[in-house]
Amino acid sequence: MSQLDLSLYLNHYFVLLLLFFLLIILISLRFYNFFLVLNIRNNFISNSSESINNDFKQFSILYNILKL
């Protein structure tokens, strides 16, 4: 294997590795935003005065997460 072949081979895997890490970062940001919104929604629900409605809403959020 010549030097050029080796360099192209390593370049190829370096780019794939870079894309893989980029994908992981994007997915984690998406889930971070999702859980951030969920946390804000839970805080809003906790501040509501109706406790029966409260339990139902929290259950429905949990159900929607599990349904994914």
PDB file of N, CA and C in Angstrom:
ATOM      1  N   MET A   1       0.855  -1.187   0.000  1.00  0.00           N
ATOM      2  CA  MET A   1       0.000   0.000   0.000  1.00  0.00           C
ATOM      3  C   MET A   1       0.897   1.245   0.000  1.00  0.00           C
ATOM      4  N   SER A   2       0.670   2.091  -0.956  1.00  0.00           N
ATOM      5  CA  SER A   2       1.499   3.303  -1.048  1.00  0.00           C
ATOM      6  C   SER A   2       1.049   4.364  -0.040  1.00  0.00           C
ATOM      7  N   GLN A   3       1.842   5.372   0.062  1.00  0.00           N
ATOM      8  CA  GLN A   3       1.554   6.458   1.007  1.00  0.00           C
ATOM      9  C   GLN A   3       0.255   7.174   0.639  1.00  0.00           C
ATOM     10  N   LEU A   4       0.011   7.364  -0.646  1.00  0.00           N
ATOM     11  CA  LEU A   4      -1.190   8.054  -1.110  1.00  0.00           C
ATOM     12  C   LEU A   4      -2.447   7.250  -0.781  1.00  0.00           C
ATOM     13  N   ASP A   5      -2.387   5.943  -0.998  1.00  0.00           N
ATOM     14  CA  ASP A   5      -3.536   5.092  -0.674  1.00  0.00           C
ATOM     15  C   ASP A   5      -3.857   5.147   0.809  1.00  0.00           C
ATOM     16  N   LEU A   6      -2.815   5.077   1.606  1.00  0.00           N
ATOM     17  CA  LEU A   6      -3.002   5.113   3.054  1.00  0.00           C
ATOM     18  C   LEU A   6      -3.599   6.447   3.488  1.00  0.00           C
ATOM     19  N   SER A   7      -3.134   7.513   2.912  1.00  0.00           N
ATOM     20  CA  SER A   7      -3.632   8.835   3.281  1.00  0.00           C
ATOM     21  C   SER A   7      -5.102   9.000   2.878  1.00  0.00           C
ATOM     22  N   LEU A   8      -5.470   8.510   1.705  1.00  0.00           N
ATOM     23  CA  LEU A   8      -6.877   8.579   1.286  1.00  0.00           C
ATOM     24  C   LEU A   8      -7.756   7.718   2.182  1.00  0.00           C
ATOM     25  N   TYR A   9      -7.246   6.571   2.551  1.00  0.00           N
ATOM     26  CA  TYR A   9      -7.965   5.647   3.428  1.00  0.00           C
ATOM     27  C   TYR A   9      -8.226   6.295   4.790  1.00  0.00           C
ATOM     28  N   LEU A  10      -7.196   6.907   5.348  1.00  0.00           N
ATOM     29  CA  LEU A  10      -7.342   7.561   6.650  1.00  0.00           C
ATOM     30  C   LEU A  10      -8.226   8.799   6.556  1.00  0.00           C
ATOM     31  N   ASN A  11      -8.119   9.523   5.467  1.00  0.00           N
ATOM     32  CA  ASN A  11      -8.976  10.689   5.250  1.00  0.00           C
ATOM     33  C   ASN A  11     -10.447  10.296   5.239  1.00  0.00           C
ATOM     34  N   HIS A  12     -10.729   9.218   4.556  1.00  0.00           N
ATOM     35  CA  HIS A  12     -12.095   8.721   4.436  1.00  0.00           C
ATOM     36  C   HIS A  12     -12.683   8.419   5.820  1.00  0.00           C
ATOM     37  N   TYR A  13     -11.914   7.722   6.655  1.00  0.00           N
ATOM     38  CA  TYR A  13     -12.402   7.383   7.989  1.00  0.00           C
ATOM     39  C   TYR A  13     -12.436   8.584   8.915  1.00  0.00           C
ATOM     40  N   PHE A  14     -11.544   9.508   8.714  1.00  0.00           N
ATOM     41  CA  PHE A  14     -11.570  10.732   9.512  1.00  0.00           C
ATOM     42  C   PHE A  14     -12.854  11.519   9.242  1.00  0.00           C
ATOM     43  N   VAL A  15     -13.236  11.637   7.981  1.00  0.00           N
ATOM     44  CA  VAL A  15     -14.466  12.351   7.610  1.00  0.00           C
ATOM     45  C   VAL A  15     -15.687  11.615   8.154  1.00  0.00           C
ATOM     46  N   LEU A  16     -15.687  10.292   8.064  1.00  0.00           N
ATOM     47  CA  LEU A  16     -16.810   9.521   8.611  1.00  0.00           C
ATOM     48  C   LEU A  16     -16.923   9.702  10.124  1.00  0.00           C
ATOM     49  N   LEU A  17     -15.799   9.703  10.796  1.00  0.00           N
ATOM     50  CA  LEU A  17     -15.789   9.910  12.243  1.00  0.00           C
ATOM     51  C   LEU A  17     -16.304  11.301  12.601  1.00  0.00           C
ATOM     52  N   LEU A  18     -15.888  12.282  11.845  1.00  0.00           N
ATOM     53  CA  LEU A  18     -16.350  13.653  12.054  1.00  0.00           C
ATOM     54  C   LEU A  18     -17.866  13.757  11.873  1.00  0.00           C
ATOM     55  N   LEU A  19     -18.378  13.145  10.823  1.00  0.00           N
ATOM     56  CA  LEU A  19     -19.827  13.152  10.584  1.00  0.00           C
ATOM     57  C   LEU A  19     -20.580  12.426  11.691  1.00  0.00           C
ATOM     58  N   PHE A  20     -20.021  11.351  12.168  1.00  0.00           N
ATOM     59  CA  PHE A  20     -20.638  10.597  13.257  1.00  0.00           C
ATOM     60  C   PHE A  20     -20.746  11.450  14.525  1.00  0.00           C
ATOM     61  N   PHE A  21     -19.670  12.142  14.884  1.00  0.00           N
ATOM     62  CA  PHE A  21     -19.704  13.014  16.060  1.00  0.00           C
ATOM     63  C   PHE A  21     -20.674  14.178  15.871  1.00  0.00           C
ATOM     64  N   LEU A  22     -20.735  14.703  14.677  1.00  0.00           N
ATOM     65  CA  LEU A  22     -21.681  15.777  14.380  1.00  0.00           C
ATOM     66  C   LEU A  22     -23.117  15.289  14.560  1.00  0.00           C
ATOM     67  N   LEU A  23     -23.384  14.101  14.099  1.00  0.00           N
ATOM     68  CA  LEU A  23     -24.710  13.505  14.245  1.00  0.00           C
ATOM     69  C   LEU A  23     -25.065  13.313  15.717  1.00  0.00           C
ATOM     70  N   ILE A  24     -24.129  12.833  16.502  1.00  0.00           N
ATOM     71  CA  ILE A  24     -24.362  12.650  17.941  1.00  0.00           C
ATOM     72  C   ILE A  24     -24.654  13.986  18.614  1.00  0.00           C
ATOM     73  N   ILE A  25     -23.910  15.011  18.259  1.00  0.00           N
ATOM     74  CA  ILE A  25     -24.124  16.337  18.850  1.00  0.00           C
ATOM     75  C   ILE A  25     -25.504  16.870  18.485  1.00  0.00           C
ATOM     76  N   LEU A  26     -25.890  16.745  17.226  1.00  0.00           N
ATOM     77  CA  LEU A  26     -27.205  17.232  16.799  1.00  0.00           C
ATOM     78  C   LEU A  26     -28.339  16.484  17.486  1.00  0.00           C
ATOM     79  N   ILE A  27     -28.205  15.180  17.610  1.00  0.00           N
ATOM     80  CA  ILE A  27     -29.243  14.389  18.283  1.00  0.00           C
ATOM     81  C   ILE A  27     -29.335  14.777  19.757  1.00  0.00           C
ATOM     82  N   SER A  28     -28.205  14.957  20.412  1.00  0.00           N
ATOM     83  CA  SER A  28     -28.236  15.324  21.830  1.00  0.00           C
ATOM     84  C   SER A  28     -28.839  16.713  22.032  1.00  0.00           C
ATOM     85  N   LEU A  29     -28.553  17.646  21.123  1.00  0.00           N
ATOM     86  CA  LEU A  29     -29.161  18.978  21.229  1.00  0.00           C
ATOM     87  C   LEU A  29     -30.670  18.906  21.047  1.00  0.00           C
ATOM     88  N   ARG A  30     -31.105  18.079  20.125  1.00  0.00           N
ATOM     89  CA  ARG A  30     -32.543  17.932  19.883  1.00  0.00           C
ATOM     90  C   ARG A  30     -33.228  17.392  21.135  1.00  0.00           C
ATOM     91  N   PHE A  31     -32.640  16.372  21.765  1.00  0.00           N
ATOM     92  CA  PHE A  31     -33.236  15.812  22.973  1.00  0.00           C
ATOM     93  C   PHE A  31     -33.111  16.768  24.147  1.00  0.00           C
ATOM     94  N   TYR A  32     -32.036  17.543  24.202  1.00  0.00           N
ATOM     95  CA  TYR A  32     -31.889  18.523  25.274  1.00  0.00           C
ATOM     96  C   TYR A  32     -33.013  19.554  25.182  1.00  0.00           C
ATOM     97  N   ASN A  33     -33.280  20.048  23.974  1.00  0.00           N
ATOM     98  CA  ASN A  33     -34.367  21.014  23.789  1.00  0.00           C
ATOM     99  C   ASN A  33     -35.712  20.394  24.119  1.00  0.00           C
ATOM    100  N   PHE A  34     -35.896  19.136  23.734  1.00  0.00           N
ATOM    101  CA  PHE A  34     -37.157  18.446  24.016  1.00  0.00           C
ATOM    102  C   PHE A  34     -37.391  18.348  25.519  1.00  0.00           C
ATOM    103  N   PHE A  35     -36.355  17.945  26.277  1.00  0.00           N
ATOM    104  CA  PHE A  35     -36.513  17.806  27.721  1.00  0.00           C
ATOM    105  C   PHE A  35     -36.609  19.160  28.412  1.00  0.00           C
ATOM    106  N   LEU A  36     -35.985  20.168  27.846  1.00  0.00           N
ATOM    107  CA  LEU A  36     -36.102  21.511  28.396  1.00  0.00           C
ATOM    108  C   LEU A  36     -37.542  21.999  28.286  1.00  0.00           C
ATOM    109  N   VAL A  37     -38.146  21.814  27.119  1.00  0.00           N
ATOM    110  CA  VAL A  37     -39.550  22.191  26.919  1.00  0.00           C
ATOM    111  C   VAL A  37     -40.438  21.379  27.846  1.00  0.00           C
ATOM    112  N   LEU A  38     -40.140  20.098  27.995  1.00  0.00           N
ATOM    113  CA  LEU A  38     -40.924  19.226  28.867  1.00  0.00           C
ATOM    114  C   LEU A  38     -40.837  19.697  30.314  1.00  0.00           C
ATOM    115  N   ASN A  39     -39.667  20.104  30.745  1.00  0.00           N
ATOM    116  CA  ASN A  39     -39.474  20.585  32.108  1.00  0.00           C
ATOM    117  C   ASN A  39     -40.265  21.872  32.348  1.00  0.00           C
ATOM    118  N   ILE A  40     -40.242  22.786  31.387  1.00  0.00           N
ATOM    119  CA  ILE A  40     -41.011  24.029  31.503  1.00  0.00           C
ATOM    120  C   ILE A  40     -42.503  23.703  31.578  1.00  0.00           C
ATOM    121  N   ARG A  41     -42.928  22.754  30.754  1.00  0.00           N
ATOM    122  CA  ARG A  41     -44.333  22.355  30.753  1.00  0.00           C
ATOM    123  C   ARG A  41     -44.713  21.738  32.098  1.00  0.00           C
ATOM    124  N   ASN A  42     -43.837  20.924  32.672  1.00  0.00           N
ATOM    125  CA  ASN A  42     -44.106  20.316  33.976  1.00  0.00           C
ATOM    126  C   ASN A  42     -44.175  21.370  35.074  1.00  0.00           C
ATOM    127  N   ASN A  43     -43.313  22.369  35.014  1.00  0.00           N
ATOM    128  CA  ASN A  43     -43.356  23.444  36.008  1.00  0.00           C
ATOM    129  C   ASN A  43     -44.653  24.223  35.902  1.00  0.00           C
ATOM    130  N   PHE A  44     -45.094  24.453  34.687  1.00  0.00           N
ATOM    131  CA  PHE A  44     -46.351  25.167  34.481  1.00  0.00           C
ATOM    132  C   PHE A  44     -47.514  24.354  35.037  1.00  0.00           C
ATOM    133  N   ILE A  45     -47.484  23.045  34.803  1.00  0.00           N
ATOM    134  CA  ILE A  45     -48.546  22.164  35.293  1.00  0.00           C
ATOM    135  C   ILE A  45     -48.527  22.127  36.821  1.00  0.00           C
ATOM    136  N   SER A  46     -47.355  22.112  37.426  1.00  0.00           N
ATOM    137  CA  SER A  46     -47.242  22.056  38.887  1.00  0.00           C
ATOM    138  C   SER A  46     -47.838  23.301  39.533  1.00  0.00           C
ATOM    139  N   ASN A  47     -47.752  24.426  38.839  1.00  0.00           N
ATOM    140  CA  ASN A  47     -48.267  25.673  39.397  1.00  0.00           C
ATOM    141  C   ASN A  47     -49.775  25.811  39.228  1.00  0.00           C
ATOM    142  N   SER A  48     -50.381  24.921  38.467  1.00  0.00           N
ATOM    143  CA  SER A  48     -51.828  25.029  38.269  1.00  0.00           C
ATOM    144  C   SER A  48     -52.550  24.598  39.542  1.00  0.00           C
ATOM    145  N   SER A  49     -53.745  25.128  39.753  1.00  0.00           N
ATOM    146  CA  SER A  49     -54.434  24.906  41.021  1.00  0.00           C
ATOM    147  C   SER A  49     -55.236  23.612  41.066  1.00  0.00           C
ATOM    148  N   GLU A  50     -55.594  23.067  39.916  1.00  0.00           N
ATOM    149  CA  GLU A  50     -56.427  21.858  39.915  1.00  0.00           C
ATOM    150  C   GLU A  50     -55.544  20.620  39.969  1.00  0.00           C
ATOM    151  N   SER A  51     -55.629  19.883  41.059  1.00  0.00           N
ATOM    152  CA  SER A  51     -54.732  18.729  41.222  1.00  0.00           C
ATOM    153  C   SER A  51     -55.179  17.524  40.399  1.00  0.00           C
ATOM    154  N   ILE A  52     -56.463  17.375  40.169  1.00  0.00           N
ATOM    155  CA  ILE A  52     -56.944  16.236  39.364  1.00  0.00           C
ATOM    156  C   ILE A  52     -56.480  16.414  37.924  1.00  0.00           C
ATOM    157  N   ASN A  53     -56.677  17.605  37.414  1.00  0.00           N
ATOM    158  CA  ASN A  53     -56.215  17.927  36.062  1.00  0.00           C
ATOM    159  C   ASN A  53     -54.702  17.784  35.979  1.00  0.00           C
ATOM    160  N   ASN A  54     -54.055  18.176  37.046  1.00  0.00           N
ATOM    161  CA  ASN A  54     -52.608  18.101  37.150  1.00  0.00           C
ATOM    162  C   ASN A  54     -52.094  16.681  36.905  1.00  0.00           C
ATOM    163  N   ASP A  55     -52.656  15.728  37.628  1.00  0.00           N
ATOM    164  CA  ASP A  55     -52.240  14.329  37.492  1.00  0.00           C
ATOM    165  C   ASP A  55     -52.504  13.813  36.086  1.00  0.00           C
ATOM    166  N   PHE A  56     -53.644  14.189  35.558  1.00  0.00           N
ATOM    167  CA  PHE A  56     -53.991  13.720  34.210  1.00  0.00           C
ATOM    168  C   PHE A  56     -53.011  14.258  33.170  1.00  0.00           C
ATOM    169  N   LYS A  57     -52.660  15.535  33.281  1.00  0.00           N
ATOM    170  CA  LYS A  57     -51.736  16.137  32.309  1.00  0.00           C
ATOM    171  C   LYS A  57     -50.352  15.502  32.410  1.00  0.00           C
ATOM    172  N   GLN A  58     -49.890  15.268  33.632  1.00  0.00           N
ATOM    173  CA  GLN A  58     -48.573  14.642  33.797  1.00  0.00           C
ATOM    174  C   GLN A  58     -48.579  13.225  33.249  1.00  0.00           C
ATOM    175  N   PHE A  59     -49.683  12.528  33.465  1.00  0.00           N
ATOM    176  CA  PHE A  59     -49.791  11.176  32.925  1.00  0.00           C
ATOM    177  C   PHE A  59     -49.800  11.205  31.400  1.00  0.00           C
ATOM    178  N   SER A  60     -50.504  12.173  30.824  1.00  0.00           N
ATOM    179  CA  SER A  60     -50.568  12.243  29.357  1.00  0.00           C
ATOM    180  C   SER A  60     -49.202  12.586  28.759  1.00  0.00           C
ATOM    181  N   ILE A  61     -48.410  13.424  29.427  1.00  0.00           N
ATOM    182  CA  ILE A  61     -47.057  13.739  28.949  1.00  0.00           C
ATOM    183  C   ILE A  61     -46.192  12.483  29.000  1.00  0.00           C
ATOM    184  N   LEU A  62     -46.280  11.749  30.110  1.00  0.00           N
ATOM    185  CA  LEU A  62     -45.525  10.503  30.238  1.00  0.00           C
ATOM    186  C   LEU A  62     -45.948   9.508  29.162  1.00  0.00           C
ATOM    187  N   TYR A  63     -47.235   9.419  28.934  1.00  0.00           N
ATOM    188  CA  TYR A  63     -47.755   8.518  27.899  1.00  0.00           C
ATOM    189  C   TYR A  63     -47.225   8.910  26.520  1.00  0.00           C
ATOM    190  N   ASN A  64     -47.186  10.209  26.226  1.00  0.00           N
ATOM    191  CA  ASN A  64     -46.674  10.666  24.926  1.00  0.00           C
ATOM    192  C   ASN A  64     -45.191  10.353  24.759  1.00  0.00           C
ATOM    193  N   ILE A  65     -44.427  10.439  25.836  1.00  0.00           N
ATOM    194  CA  ILE A  65     -42.998  10.108  25.759  1.00  0.00           C
ATOM    195  C   ILE A  65     -42.826   8.618  25.481  1.00  0.00           C
ATOM    196  N   LEU A  66     -43.575   7.801  26.212  1.00  0.00           N
ATOM    197  CA  LEU A  66     -43.443   6.352  26.044  1.00  0.00           C
ATOM    198  C   LEU A  66     -43.953   5.889  24.686  1.00  0.00           C
ATOM    199  N   LYS A  67     -44.892   6.638  24.140  1.00  0.00           N
ATOM    200  CA  LYS A  67     -45.461   6.273  22.844  1.00  0.00           C
ATOM    201  C   LYS A  67     -44.448   6.474  21.721  1.00  0.00           C
ATOM    202  N   LEU A  68     -43.493   7.411  21.911  1.00  0.00           N
ATOM    203  CA  LEU A  68     -42.452   7.646  20.908  1.00  0.00           C
ATOM    204  C   LEU A  68     -41.640   6.390  20.750  1.00  0.00           C
TER     205      LEU A  68
END
